[in-house]
PDB file of N, CA and C in Angstrom:
ATOM      1  N   MET A   1       0.798  -1.204   0.000  1.00  0.00           N
ATOM      2  CA  MET A   1       0.000   0.000   0.000  1.00  0.00           C
ATOM      3  C   MET A   1       0.845   1.275   0.000  1.00  0.00           C
ATOM      4  N   PRO A   2       2.052   1.293  -0.565  1.00  0.00           N
ATOM      5  CA  PRO A   2       2.868   2.489  -0.509  1.00  0.00           C
ATOM      6  C   PRO A   2       2.287   3.669  -1.288  1.00  0.00           C
ATOM      7  N   TRP A   3       1.452   3.407  -2.309  1.00  0.00           N
ATOM      8  CA  TRP A   3       0.890   4.509  -3.096  1.00  0.00           C
ATOM      9  C   TRP A   3      -0.492   4.916  -2.615  1.00  0.00           C
ATOM     10  N   TYR A   4      -1.042   4.217  -1.674  1.00  0.00           N
ATOM     11  CA  TYR A   4      -2.388   4.552  -1.235  1.00  0.00           C
ATOM     12  C   TYR A   4      -2.333   5.682  -0.217  1.00  0.00           C
ATOM     13  N   ILE A   5      -2.623   6.866  -0.697  1.00  0.00           N
ATOM     14  CA  ILE A   5      -2.670   8.048   0.159  1.00  0.00           C
ATOM     15  C   ILE A   5      -4.037   8.672  -0.097  1.00  0.00           C
ATOM     16  N   PRO A   6      -5.009   8.418   0.783  1.00  0.00           N
ATOM     17  CA  PRO A   6      -6.391   8.803   0.499  1.00  0.00           C
ATOM     18  C   PRO A   6      -6.622  10.308   0.356  1.00  0.00           C
ATOM     19  N   HIS A   7      -5.825  11.131   0.999  1.00  0.00           N
ATOM     20  CA  HIS A   7      -6.090  12.569   0.959  1.00  0.00           C
ATOM     21  C   HIS A   7      -5.430  13.267  -0.233  1.00  0.00           C
ATOM     22  N   VAL A   8      -4.666  12.567  -1.064  1.00  0.00           N
ATOM     23  CA  VAL A   8      -4.051  13.165  -2.249  1.00  0.00           C
ATOM     24  C   VAL A   8      -5.056  13.078  -3.395  1.00  0.00           C
ATOM     25  N   PRO A   9      -5.389  14.215  -4.006  1.00  0.00           N
ATOM     26  CA  PRO A   9      -6.361  14.208  -5.109  1.00  0.00           C
ATOM     27  C   PRO A   9      -5.913  13.331  -6.280  1.00  0.00           C
ATOM     28  N   GLU A  10      -6.888  12.747  -6.949  1.00  0.00           N
ATOM     29  CA  GLU A  10      -6.624  11.853  -8.079  1.00  0.00           C
ATOM     30  C   GLU A  10      -5.819  12.551  -9.170  1.00  0.00           C
ATOM     31  N   GLY A  11      -6.100  13.826  -9.406  1.00  0.00           N
ATOM     32  CA  GLY A  11      -5.382  14.579 -10.436  1.00  0.00           C
ATOM     33  C   GLY A  11      -3.890  14.653 -10.167  1.00  0.00           C
ATOM     34  N   ILE A  12      -3.522  14.791  -8.910  1.00  0.00           N
ATOM     35  CA  ILE A  12      -2.098  14.854  -8.554  1.00  0.00           C
ATOM     36  C   ILE A  12      -1.455  13.482  -8.749  1.00  0.00           C
ATOM     37  N   LYS A  13      -2.152  12.421  -8.375  1.00  0.00           N
ATOM     38  CA  LYS A  13      -1.623  11.072  -8.592  1.00  0.00           C
ATOM     39  C   LYS A  13      -1.391  10.825 -10.090  1.00  0.00           C
ATOM     40  N   LYS A  14      -2.352  11.264 -10.926  1.00  0.00           N
ATOM     41  CA  LYS A  14      -2.222  11.091 -12.371  1.00  0.00           C
ATOM     42  C   LYS A  14      -1.039  11.893 -12.907  1.00  0.00           C
ATOM     43  N   ARG A  15      -0.862  13.108 -12.401  1.00  0.00           N
ATOM     44  CA  ARG A  15       0.256  13.937 -12.862  1.00  0.00           C
ATOM     45  C   ARG A  15       1.604  13.286 -12.530  1.00  0.00           C
ATOM     46  N   VAL A  16       1.690  12.676 -11.366  1.00  0.00           N
ATOM     47  CA  VAL A  16       2.921  11.974 -10.985  1.00  0.00           C
ATOM     48  C   VAL A  16       3.160  10.801 -11.936  1.00  0.00           C
ATOM     49  N   CYS A  17       2.116  10.053 -12.246  1.00  0.00           N
ATOM     50  CA  CYS A  17       2.255   8.921 -13.167  1.00  0.00           C
ATOM     51  C   CYS A  17       2.653   9.380 -14.560  1.00  0.00           C
ATOM     52  N   ILE A  18       2.034  10.461 -15.024  1.00  0.00           N
ATOM     53  CA  ILE A  18       2.387  10.994 -16.336  1.00  0.00           C
ATOM     54  C   ILE A  18       3.842  11.449 -16.344  1.00  0.00           C
ATOM     55  N   TYR A  19       4.268  12.097 -15.274  1.00  0.00           N
ATOM     56  CA  TYR A  19       5.659  12.529 -15.182  1.00  0.00           C
ATOM     57  C   TYR A  19       6.600  11.331 -15.313  1.00  0.00           C
ATOM     58  N   LEU A  20       6.313  10.247 -14.594  1.00  0.00           N
ATOM     59  CA  LEU A  20       7.166   9.065 -14.636  1.00  0.00           C
ATOM     60  C   LEU A  20       7.163   8.413 -16.023  1.00  0.00           C
ATOM     61  N   LEU A  21       5.984   8.324 -16.635  1.00  0.00           N
ATOM     62  CA  LEU A  21       5.911   7.754 -17.981  1.00  0.00           C
ATOM     63  C   LEU A  21       6.682   8.615 -18.980  1.00  0.00           C
ATOM     64  N   GLN A  22       6.525   9.931 -18.881  1.00  0.00           N
ATOM     65  CA  GLN A  22       7.242  10.833 -19.778  1.00  0.00           C
ATOM     66  C   GLN A  22       8.750  10.725 -19.549  1.00  0.00           C
ATOM     67  N   ARG A  23       9.126  10.608 -18.298  1.00  0.00           N
ATOM     68  CA  ARG A  23      10.550  10.563 -17.957  1.00  0.00           C
ATOM     69  C   ARG A  23      11.228   9.326 -18.533  1.00  0.00           C
ATOM     70  N   TYR A  24      10.553   8.170 -18.454  1.00  0.00           N
ATOM     71  CA  TYR A  24      11.181   6.930 -18.868  1.00  0.00           C
ATOM     72  C   TYR A  24      10.815   6.447 -20.270  1.00  0.00           C
ATOM     73  N   LEU A  25       9.648   6.817 -20.776  1.00  0.00           N
ATOM     74  CA  LEU A  25       9.221   6.372 -22.103  1.00  0.00           C
ATOM     75  C   LEU A  25       8.909   7.521 -23.055  1.00  0.00           C
ATOM     76  N   GLY A  26       8.867   8.733 -22.527  1.00  0.00           N
ATOM     77  CA  GLY A  26       8.435   9.889 -23.303  1.00  0.00           C
ATOM     78  C   GLY A  26       9.214  10.135 -24.572  1.00  0.00           C
ATOM     79  N   GLN A  27      10.456   9.716 -24.617  1.00  0.00           N
ATOM     80  CA  GLN A  27      11.254   9.926 -25.823  1.00  0.00           C
ATOM     81  C   GLN A  27      10.663   9.199 -27.025  1.00  0.00           C
ATOM     82  N   PHE A  28       9.843   8.178 -26.772  1.00  0.00           N
ATOM     83  CA  PHE A  28       9.238   7.422 -27.863  1.00  0.00           C
ATOM     84  C   PHE A  28       7.810   7.866 -28.177  1.00  0.00           C
ATOM     85  N   PHE A  29       7.303   8.851 -27.454  1.00  0.00           N
ATOM     86  CA  PHE A  29       5.959   9.379 -27.695  1.00  0.00           C
ATOM     87  C   PHE A  29       6.067  10.625 -28.574  1.00  0.00           C
ATOM     88  N   GLU A  30       5.187  10.713 -29.554  1.00  0.00           N
ATOM     89  CA  GLU A  30       5.194  11.865 -30.453  1.00  0.00           C
ATOM     90  C   GLU A  30       4.781  13.146 -29.722  1.00  0.00           C
ATOM     91  N   GLU A  31       3.841  13.029 -28.802  1.00  0.00           N
ATOM     92  CA  GLU A  31       3.363  14.179 -28.030  1.00  0.00           C
ATOM     93  C   GLU A  31       3.358  13.827 -26.555  1.00  0.00           C
ATOM     94  N   LYS A  32       3.327  14.848 -25.712  1.00  0.00           N
ATOM     95  CA  LYS A  32       3.238  14.606 -24.273  1.00  0.00           C
ATOM     96  C   LYS A  32       1.881  13.995 -23.943  1.00  0.00           C
ATOM     97  N   LEU A  33       1.875  13.130 -22.948  1.00  0.00           N
ATOM     98  CA  LEU A  33       0.626  12.494 -22.523  1.00  0.00           C
ATOM     99  C   LEU A  33      -0.270  13.504 -21.825  1.00  0.00           C
ATOM    100  N   THR A  34      -1.587  13.268 -21.923  1.00  0.00           N
ATOM    101  CA  THR A  34      -2.560  14.121 -21.247  1.00  0.00           C
ATOM    102  C   THR A  34      -3.262  13.316 -20.157  1.00  0.00           C
ATOM    103  N   LEU A  35      -3.916  14.020 -19.267  1.00  0.00           N
ATOM    104  CA  LEU A  35      -4.665  13.347 -18.195  1.00  0.00           C
ATOM    105  C   LEU A  35      -5.776  12.463 -18.751  1.00  0.00           C
ATOM    106  N   ASP A  36      -6.348  12.853 -19.899  1.00  0.00           N
ATOM    107  CA  ASP A  36      -7.427  12.081 -20.514  1.00  0.00           C
ATOM    108  C   ASP A  36      -6.956  10.718 -21.020  1.00  0.00           C
ATOM    109  N   GLN A  37      -5.687  10.596 -21.355  1.00  0.00           N
ATOM    110  CA  GLN A  37      -5.159   9.352 -21.889  1.00  0.00           C
ATOM    111  C   GLN A  37      -4.838   8.327 -20.800  1.00  0.00           C
ATOM    112  N   LEU A  38      -4.816   8.761 -19.560  1.00  0.00           N
ATOM    113  CA  LEU A  38      -4.339   7.927 -18.466  1.00  0.00           C
ATOM    114  C   LEU A  38      -5.462   7.576 -17.500  1.00  0.00           C
ATOM    115  N   SER A  39      -5.493   6.314 -17.105  1.00  0.00           N
ATOM    116  CA  SER A  39      -6.360   5.907 -16.000  1.00  0.00           C
ATOM    117  C   SER A  39      -5.485   5.111 -15.038  1.00  0.00           C
ATOM    118  N   VAL A  40      -5.608   5.415 -13.750  1.00  0.00           N
ATOM    119  CA  VAL A  40      -4.772   4.750 -12.748  1.00  0.00           C
ATOM    120  C   VAL A  40      -5.600   4.311 -11.551  1.00  0.00           C
ATOM    121  N   ASP A  41      -5.162   3.229 -10.973  1.00  0.00           N
ATOM    122  CA  ASP A  41      -5.677   2.748  -9.704  1.00  0.00           C
ATOM    123  C   ASP A  41      -4.443   2.322  -8.918  1.00  0.00           C
ATOM    124  N   LEU A  42      -3.800   3.291  -8.304  1.00  0.00           N
ATOM    125  CA  LEU A  42      -2.531   3.030  -7.644  1.00  0.00           C
ATOM    126  C   LEU A  42      -2.660   2.068  -6.479  1.00  0.00           C
ATOM    127  N   TYR A  43      -3.785   2.102  -5.816  1.00  0.00           N
ATOM    128  CA  TYR A  43      -4.004   1.194  -4.690  1.00  0.00           C
ATOM    129  C   TYR A  43      -3.892  -0.261  -5.134  1.00  0.00           C
ATOM    130  N   ASN A  44      -4.468  -0.564  -6.306  1.00  0.00           N
ATOM    131  CA  ASN A  44      -4.411  -1.921  -6.846  1.00  0.00           C
ATOM    132  C   ASN A  44      -3.221  -2.131  -7.781  1.00  0.00           C
ATOM    133  N   GLY A  45      -2.434  -1.086  -8.006  1.00  0.00           N
ATOM    134  CA  GLY A  45      -1.223  -1.211  -8.814  1.00  0.00           C
ATOM    135  C   GLY A  45      -1.450  -1.315 -10.299  1.00  0.00           C
ATOM    136  N   THR A  46      -2.533  -0.707 -10.809  1.00  0.00           N
ATOM    137  CA  THR A  46      -2.806  -0.781 -12.245  1.00  0.00           C
ATOM    138  C   THR A  46      -2.834   0.607 -12.865  1.00  0.00           C
ATOM    139  N   GLY A  47      -2.465   0.642 -14.121  1.00  0.00           N
ATOM    140  CA  GLY A  47      -2.512   1.890 -14.878  1.00  0.00           C
ATOM    141  C   GLY A  47      -2.628   1.579 -16.352  1.00  0.00           C
ATOM    142  N   THR A  48      -3.290   2.476 -17.076  1.00  0.00           N
ATOM    143  CA  THR A  48      -3.489   2.305 -18.512  1.00  0.00           C
ATOM    144  C   THR A  48      -3.281   3.639 -19.216  1.00  0.00           C
ATOM    145  N   VAL A  49      -2.572   3.582 -20.327  1.00  0.00           N
ATOM    146  CA  VAL A  49      -2.403   4.740 -21.206  1.00  0.00           C
ATOM    147  C   VAL A  49      -2.988   4.339 -22.551  1.00  0.00           C
ATOM    148  N   GLU A  50      -3.776   5.245 -23.151  1.00  0.00           N
ATOM    149  CA  GLU A  50      -4.424   4.929 -24.423  1.00  0.00           C
ATOM    150  C   GLU A  50      -4.127   5.982 -25.477  1.00  0.00           C
ATOM    151  N   ASP A  51      -4.218   5.549 -26.730  1.00  0.00           N
ATOM    152  CA  ASP A  51      -4.110   6.436 -27.904  1.00  0.00           C
ATOM    153  C   ASP A  51      -2.808   7.234 -27.912  1.00  0.00           C
ATOM    154  N   VAL A  52      -1.706   6.539 -28.113  1.00  0.00           N
ATOM    155  CA  VAL A  52      -0.391   7.176 -28.117  1.00  0.00           C
ATOM    156  C   VAL A  52       0.234   7.042 -29.498  1.00  0.00           C
ATOM    157  N   SER A  53       0.555   8.173 -30.101  1.00  0.00           N
ATOM    158  CA  SER A  53       1.311   8.164 -31.357  1.00  0.00           C
ATOM    159  C   SER A  53       2.786   8.076 -31.009  1.00  0.00           C
ATOM    160  N   LEU A  54       3.489   7.193 -31.713  1.00  0.00           N
ATOM    161  CA  LEU A  54       4.902   6.974 -31.422  1.00  0.00           C
ATOM    162  C   LEU A  54       5.786   7.882 -32.269  1.00  0.00           C
ATOM    163  N   ASP A  55       6.888   8.296 -31.709  1.00  0.00           N
ATOM    164  CA  ASP A  55       7.852   9.165 -32.385  1.00  0.00           C
ATOM    165  C   ASP A  55       8.785   8.283 -33.210  1.00  0.00           C
ATOM    166  N   VAL A  56       8.542   8.228 -34.517  1.00  0.00           N
ATOM    167  CA  VAL A  56       9.330   7.334 -35.362  1.00  0.00           C
ATOM    168  C   VAL A  56      10.777   7.796 -35.483  1.00  0.00           C
ATOM    169  N   GLN A  57      11.034   9.065 -35.339  1.00  0.00           N
ATOM    170  CA  GLN A  57      12.413   9.539 -35.386  1.00  0.00           C
ATOM    171  C   GLN A  57      13.218   8.950 -34.219  1.00  0.00           C
ATOM    172  N   ALA A  58      12.627   8.947 -33.024  1.00  0.00           N
ATOM    173  CA  ALA A  58      13.301   8.364 -31.862  1.00  0.00           C
ATOM    174  C   ALA A  58      13.472   6.851 -32.041  1.00  0.00           C
ATOM    175  N   LEU A  59      12.458   6.190 -32.587  1.00  0.00           N
ATOM    176  CA  LEU A  59      12.569   4.753 -32.842  1.00  0.00           C
ATOM    177  C   LEU A  59      13.665   4.466 -33.871  1.00  0.00           C
ATOM    178  N   ASN A  60      13.761   5.308 -34.889  1.00  0.00           N
ATOM    179  CA  ASN A  60      14.790   5.122 -35.911  1.00  0.00           C
ATOM    180  C   ASN A  60      16.190   5.382 -35.352  1.00  0.00           C
ATOM    181  N   GLU A  61      16.305   6.328 -34.433  1.00  0.00           N
ATOM    182  CA  GLU A  61      17.602   6.560 -33.785  1.00  0.00           C
ATOM    183  C   GLU A  61      18.022   5.333 -32.975  1.00  0.00           C
ATOM    184  N   LEU A  62      17.075   4.735 -32.271  1.00  0.00           N
ATOM    185  CA  LEU A  62      17.359   3.504 -31.536  1.00  0.00           C
ATOM    186  C   LEU A  62      17.746   2.387 -32.501  1.00  0.00           C
ATOM    187  N   GLY A  63      17.008   2.278 -33.598  1.00  0.00           N
ATOM    188  CA  GLY A  63      17.317   1.265 -34.610  1.00  0.00           C
ATOM    189  C   GLY A  63      18.682   1.459 -35.232  1.00  0.00           C
ATOM    190  N   GLU A  64      19.075   2.701 -35.394  1.00  0.00           N
ATOM    191  CA  GLU A  64      20.402   3.007 -35.948  1.00  0.00           C
ATOM    192  C   GLU A  64      21.498   2.529 -34.992  1.00  0.00           C
ATOM    193  N   LYS A  65      21.300   2.787 -33.694  1.00  0.00           N
ATOM    194  CA  LYS A  65      22.277   2.345 -32.689  1.00  0.00           C
ATOM    195  C   LYS A  65      22.364   0.819 -32.624  1.00  0.00           C
ATOM    196  N   GLN A  66      21.225   0.156 -32.847  1.00  0.00           N
ATOM    197  CA  GLN A  66      21.168  -1.309 -32.775  1.00  0.00           C
ATOM    198  C   GLN A  66      21.438  -1.965 -34.129  1.00  0.00           C
ATOM    199  N   ASN A  67      21.632  -1.142 -35.158  1.00  0.00           N
ATOM    200  CA  ASN A  67      21.915  -1.616 -36.516  1.00  0.00           C
ATOM    201  C   ASN A  67      20.791  -2.490 -37.077  1.00  0.00           C
ATOM    202  N   TRP A  68      19.534  -2.040 -36.882  1.00  0.00           N
ATOM    203  CA  TRP A  68      18.394  -2.747 -37.435  1.00  0.00           C
ATOM    204  C   TRP A  68      18.332  -2.528 -38.939  1.00  0.00           C
ATOM    205  N   PRO A  69      17.923  -3.515 -39.724  1.00  0.00           N
ATOM    206  CA  PRO A  69      17.899  -3.374 -41.181  1.00  0.00           C
ATOM    207  C   PRO A  69      16.617  -2.708 -41.706  1.00  0.00           C
ATOM    208  N   MET A  70      15.867  -2.065 -40.848  1.00  0.00           N
ATOM    209  CA  MET A  70      14.617  -1.427 -41.267  1.00  0.00           C
ATOM    210  C   MET A  70      14.497  -0.071 -40.589  1.00  0.00           C
ATOM    211  N   GLU A  71      13.559   0.721 -41.103  1.00  0.00           N
ATOM    212  CA  GLU A  71      13.261   2.004 -40.467  1.00  0.00           C
ATOM    213  C   GLU A  71      11.760   2.127 -40.284  1.00  0.00           C
ATOM    214  N   PHE A  72      11.378   2.883 -39.260  1.00  0.00           N
ATOM    215  CA  PHE A  72       9.968   3.077 -38.937  1.00  0.00           C
ATOM    216  C   PHE A  72       9.416   4.254 -39.727  1.00  0.00           C
ATOM    217  N   VAL A  73       8.218   4.063 -40.250  1.00  0.00           N
ATOM    218  CA  VAL A  73       7.542   5.115 -41.007  1.00  0.00           C
ATOM    219  C   VAL A  73       6.422   5.719 -40.170  1.00  0.00           C
ATOM    220  N   ASP A  74       5.741   4.868 -39.406  1.00  0.00           N
ATOM    221  CA  ASP A  74       4.614   5.319 -38.601  1.00  0.00           C
ATOM    222  C   ASP A  74       4.448   4.367 -37.418  1.00  0.00           C
ATOM    223  N   GLY A  75       3.913   4.893 -36.297  1.00  0.00           N
ATOM    224  CA  GLY A  75       3.697   4.048 -35.138  1.00  0.00           C
ATOM    225  C   GLY A  75       2.579   4.573 -34.255  1.00  0.00           C
ATOM    226  N   TYR A  76       1.793   3.654 -33.721  1.00  0.00           N
ATOM    227  CA  TYR A  76       0.648   4.008 -32.878  1.00  0.00           C
ATOM    228  C   TYR A  76       0.438   2.908 -31.851  1.00  0.00           C
ATOM    229  N   LEU A  77       0.095   3.295 -30.647  1.00  0.00           N
ATOM    230  CA  LEU A  77      -0.160   2.366 -29.557  1.00  0.00           C
ATOM    231  C   LEU A  77      -1.570   2.618 -29.047  1.00  0.00           C
ATOM    232  N   GLU A  78      -2.438   1.615 -29.199  1.00  0.00           N
ATOM    233  CA  GLU A  78      -3.824   1.748 -28.770  1.00  0.00           C
ATOM    234  C   GLU A  78      -3.945   1.754 -27.252  1.00  0.00           C
ATOM    235  N   LYS A  79      -3.235   0.814 -26.593  1.00  0.00           N
ATOM    236  CA  LYS A  79      -3.382   0.696 -25.148  1.00  0.00           C
ATOM    237  C   LYS A  79      -2.154   0.025 -24.532  1.00  0.00           C
ATOM    238  N   LEU A  80      -1.653   0.622 -23.458  1.00  0.00           N
ATOM    239  CA  LEU A  80      -0.547   0.078 -22.684  1.00  0.00           C
ATOM    240  C   LEU A  80      -1.023  -0.049 -21.245  1.00  0.00           C
ATOM    241  N   SER A  81      -1.064  -1.278 -20.736  1.00  0.00           N
ATOM    242  CA  SER A  81      -1.517  -1.525 -19.361  1.00  0.00           C
ATOM    243  C   SER A  81      -0.351  -2.027 -18.523  1.00  0.00           C
ATOM    244  N   ILE A  82      -0.296  -1.551 -17.290  1.00  0.00           N
ATOM    245  CA  ILE A  82       0.764  -1.935 -16.362  1.00  0.00           C
ATOM    246  C   ILE A  82       0.113  -2.429 -15.081  1.00  0.00           C
ATOM    247  N   ASN A  83       0.632  -3.529 -14.539  1.00  0.00           N
ATOM    248  CA  ASN A  83       0.146  -4.070 -13.286  1.00  0.00           C
ATOM    249  C   ASN A  83       1.348  -4.318 -12.377  1.00  0.00           C
ATOM    250  N   VAL A  84       1.385  -3.614 -11.236  1.00  0.00           N
ATOM    251  CA  VAL A  84       2.477  -3.740 -10.265  1.00  0.00           C
ATOM    252  C   VAL A  84       1.894  -4.272  -8.960  1.00  0.00           C
ATOM    253  N   PRO A  85       2.332  -5.451  -8.518  1.00  0.00           N
ATOM    254  CA  PRO A  85       1.805  -6.029  -7.270  1.00  0.00           C
ATOM    255  C   PRO A  85       2.502  -5.419  -6.036  1.00  0.00           C
ATOM    256  N   TRP A  86       2.028  -4.244  -5.600  1.00  0.00           N
ATOM    257  CA  TRP A  86       2.672  -3.513  -4.499  1.00  0.00           C
ATOM    258  C   TRP A  86       2.847  -4.345  -3.238  1.00  0.00           C
ATOM    259  N   THR A  87       1.842  -5.158  -2.902  1.00  0.00           N
ATOM    260  CA  THR A  87       1.892  -5.888  -1.633  1.00  0.00           C
ATOM    261  C   THR A  87       2.910  -7.026  -1.631  1.00  0.00           C
ATOM    262  N   SER A  88       3.305  -7.498  -2.804  1.00  0.00           N
ATOM    263  CA  SER A  88       4.300  -8.575  -2.878  1.00  0.00           C
ATOM    264  C   SER A  88       5.293  -8.284  -4.010  1.00  0.00           C
ATOM    265  N   LEU A  89       5.812  -7.096  -4.005  1.00  0.00           N
ATOM    266  CA  LEU A  89       6.678  -6.611  -5.075  1.00  0.00           C
ATOM    267  C   LEU A  89       7.907  -7.487  -5.301  1.00  0.00           C
ATOM    268  N   LEU A  90       8.485  -8.024  -4.248  1.00  0.00           N
ATOM    269  CA  LEU A  90       9.686  -8.840  -4.388  1.00  0.00           C
ATOM    270  C   LEU A  90       9.399 -10.310  -4.680  1.00  0.00           C
ATOM    271  N   LYS A  91       8.123 -10.698  -4.631  1.00  0.00           N
ATOM    272  CA  LYS A  91       7.757 -12.096  -4.842  1.00  0.00           C
ATOM    273  C   LYS A  91       7.044 -12.330  -6.169  1.00  0.00           C
ATOM    274  N   GLU A  92       6.305 -11.334  -6.637  1.00  0.00           N
ATOM    275  CA  GLU A  92       5.527 -11.496  -7.858  1.00  0.00           C
ATOM    276  C   GLU A  92       6.061 -10.582  -8.955  1.00  0.00           C
ATOM    277  N   SER A  93       5.773 -10.961 -10.176  1.00  0.00           N
ATOM    278  CA  SER A  93       6.212 -10.178 -11.330  1.00  0.00           C
ATOM    279  C   SER A  93       5.252  -9.032 -11.616  1.00  0.00           C
ATOM    280  N   SER A  94       5.795  -7.974 -12.168  1.00  0.00           N
ATOM    281  CA  SER A  94       4.974  -6.897 -12.722  1.00  0.00           C
ATOM    282  C   SER A  94       4.693  -7.257 -14.173  1.00  0.00           C
ATOM    283  N   PHE A  95       3.557  -6.782 -14.683  1.00  0.00           N
ATOM    284  CA  PHE A  95       3.180  -7.105 -16.044  1.00  0.00           C
ATOM    285  C   PHE A  95       2.929  -5.843 -16.848  1.00  0.00           C
ATOM    286  N   VAL A  96       3.346  -5.880 -18.105  1.00  0.00           N
ATOM    287  CA  VAL A  96       3.058  -4.825 -19.068  1.00  0.00           C
ATOM    288  C   VAL A  96       2.364  -5.501 -20.237  1.00  0.00           C
ATOM    289  N   GLU A  97       1.199  -4.981 -20.613  1.00  0.00           N
ATOM    290  CA  GLU A  97       0.439  -5.542 -21.725  1.00  0.00           C
ATOM    291  C   GLU A  97       0.232  -4.461 -22.771  1.00  0.00           C
ATOM    292  N   VAL A  98       0.540  -4.792 -24.011  1.00  0.00           N
ATOM    293  CA  VAL A  98       0.395  -3.866 -25.124  1.00  0.00           C
ATOM    294  C   VAL A  98      -0.724  -4.380 -26.021  1.00  0.00           C
ATOM    295  N   LYS A  99      -1.676  -3.506 -26.334  1.00  0.00           N
ATOM    296  CA  LYS A  99      -2.765  -3.855 -27.253  1.00  0.00           C
ATOM    297  C   LYS A  99      -2.808  -2.835 -28.372  1.00  0.00           C
ATOM    298  N   GLY A 100      -3.016  -3.317 -29.560  1.00  0.00           N
ATOM    299  CA  GLY A 100      -3.190  -2.431 -30.706  1.00  0.00           C
ATOM    300  C   GLY A 100      -1.933  -1.694 -31.110  1.00  0.00           C
ATOM    301  N   LEU A 101      -0.790  -2.350 -31.071  1.00  0.00           N
ATOM    302  CA  LEU A 101       0.445  -1.736 -31.538  1.00  0.00           C
ATOM    303  C   LEU A 101       0.473  -1.820 -33.053  1.00  0.00           C
ATOM    304  N   LYS A 102       0.577  -0.673 -33.689  1.00  0.00           N
ATOM    305  CA  LYS A 102       0.611  -0.625 -35.149  1.00  0.00           C
ATOM    306  C   LYS A 102       1.903   0.077 -35.566  1.00  0.00           C
ATOM    307  N   LEU A 103       2.734  -0.647 -36.294  1.00  0.00           N
ATOM    308  CA  LEU A 103       3.995  -0.101 -36.776  1.00  0.00           C
ATOM    309  C   LEU A 103       4.074  -0.278 -38.286  1.00  0.00           C
ATOM    310  N   THR A 104       4.473   0.769 -38.969  1.00  0.00           N
ATOM    311  CA  THR A 104       4.748   0.688 -40.394  1.00  0.00           C
ATOM    312  C   THR A 104       6.256   0.794 -40.541  1.00  0.00           C
ATOM    313  N   VAL A 105       6.849  -0.230 -41.151  1.00  0.00           N
ATOM    314  CA  VAL A 105       8.300  -0.257 -41.329  1.00  0.00           C
ATOM    315  C   VAL A 105       8.620  -0.473 -42.802  1.00  0.00           C
ATOM    316  N   GLN A 106       9.830  -0.098 -43.153  1.00  0.00           N
ATOM    317  CA  GLN A 106      10.317  -0.341 -44.510  1.00  0.00           C
ATOM    318  C   GLN A 106      11.800  -0.681 -44.420  1.00  0.00           C
ATOM    319  N   PRO A 107      12.323  -1.372 -45.428  1.00  0.00           N
ATOM    320  CA  PRO A 107      13.746  -1.680 -45.403  1.00  0.00           C
ATOM    321  C   PRO A 107      14.562  -0.383 -45.364  1.00  0.00           C
ATOM    322  N   LYS A 108      15.636  -0.422 -44.616  1.00  0.00           N
ATOM    323  CA  LYS A 108      16.498   0.755 -44.502  1.00  0.00           C
ATOM    324  C   LYS A 108      17.266   0.930 -45.811  1.00  0.00           C
ATOM    325  N   GLN A 109      17.280   2.151 -46.307  1.00  0.00           N
ATOM    326  CA  GLN A 109      18.041   2.437 -47.513  1.00  0.00           C
ATOM    327  C   GLN A 109      19.493   2.692 -47.129  1.00  0.00           C
ATOM    328  N   ARG A 110      20.400   2.117 -47.899  1.00  0.00           N
ATOM    329  CA  ARG A 110      21.818   2.318 -47.646  1.00  0.00           C
ATOM    330  C   ARG A 110      22.551   2.363 -48.972  1.00  0.00           C
ATOM    331  N   THR A 111      23.770   2.809 -48.937  1.00  0.00           N
ATOM    332  CA  THR A 111      24.569   2.856 -50.160  1.00  0.00           C
ATOM    333  C   THR A 111      25.715   1.848 -50.083  1.00  0.00           C
ATOM    334  N   GLU A 112      25.934   1.177 -51.181  1.00  0.00           N
ATOM    335  CA  GLU A 112      27.057   0.267 -51.313  1.00  0.00           C
ATOM    336  C   GLU A 112      27.780   0.614 -52.588  1.00  0.00           C
ATOM    337  N   ASN A 113      29.052   0.967 -52.462  1.00  0.00           N
ATOM    338  CA  ASN A 113      29.861   1.378 -53.614  1.00  0.00           C
ATOM    339  C   ASN A 113      29.209   2.534 -54.362  1.00  0.00           C
ATOM    340  N   GLY A 114      28.601   3.465 -53.636  1.00  0.00           N
ATOM    341  CA  GLY A 114      27.975   4.633 -54.244  1.00  0.00           C
ATOM    342  C   GLY A 114      26.631   4.371 -54.877  1.00  0.00           C
ATOM    343  N   ILE A 115      26.084   3.161 -54.728  1.00  0.00           N
ATOM    344  CA  ILE A 115      24.788   2.804 -55.308  1.00  0.00           C
ATOM    345  C   ILE A 115      23.782   2.665 -54.179  1.00  0.00           C
ATOM    346  N   LEU A 116      22.615   3.294 -54.338  1.00  0.00           N
ATOM    347  CA  LEU A 116      21.547   3.228 -53.345  1.00  0.00           C
ATOM    348  C   LEU A 116      20.911   1.844 -53.382  1.00  0.00           C
ATOM    349  N   VAL A 117      20.898   1.156 -52.223  1.00  0.00           N
ATOM    350  CA  VAL A 117      20.354  -0.194 -52.119  1.00  0.00           C
ATOM    351  C   VAL A 117      19.299  -0.203 -51.026  1.00  0.00           C
ATOM    352  N   ALA A 118      18.210  -0.940 -51.238  1.00  0.00           N
ATOM    353  CA  ALA A 118      17.180  -1.051 -50.205  1.00  0.00           C
ATOM    354  C   ALA A 118      17.396  -2.284 -49.389  1.00  0.00           C
TER     355      ALA A 118
END
């Protein structure tokens, strides 16, 4: 029950969650998250973010570092759900569920001997 603080308004709890999501995953979001996109139940350890457009430039930068043979053209996330078992955090696993992930990719264009190759 570390997050259960009954006198803290729901809006403040949501803002804290949005801050954490932006801090750790925000680089992959095209726009900042809004309160409307987020639903949380911190007491039960659940949270959901909906309707997120992905930043393909950030994904492509990651792909470049990892030497992926493709590039992202478009990306959208319908729903991301997180479940954290606060009462048994060291005994049980946390879960992340992704629904409606839509990615458009294409082969990365590169040059070999001055010739453009896909």
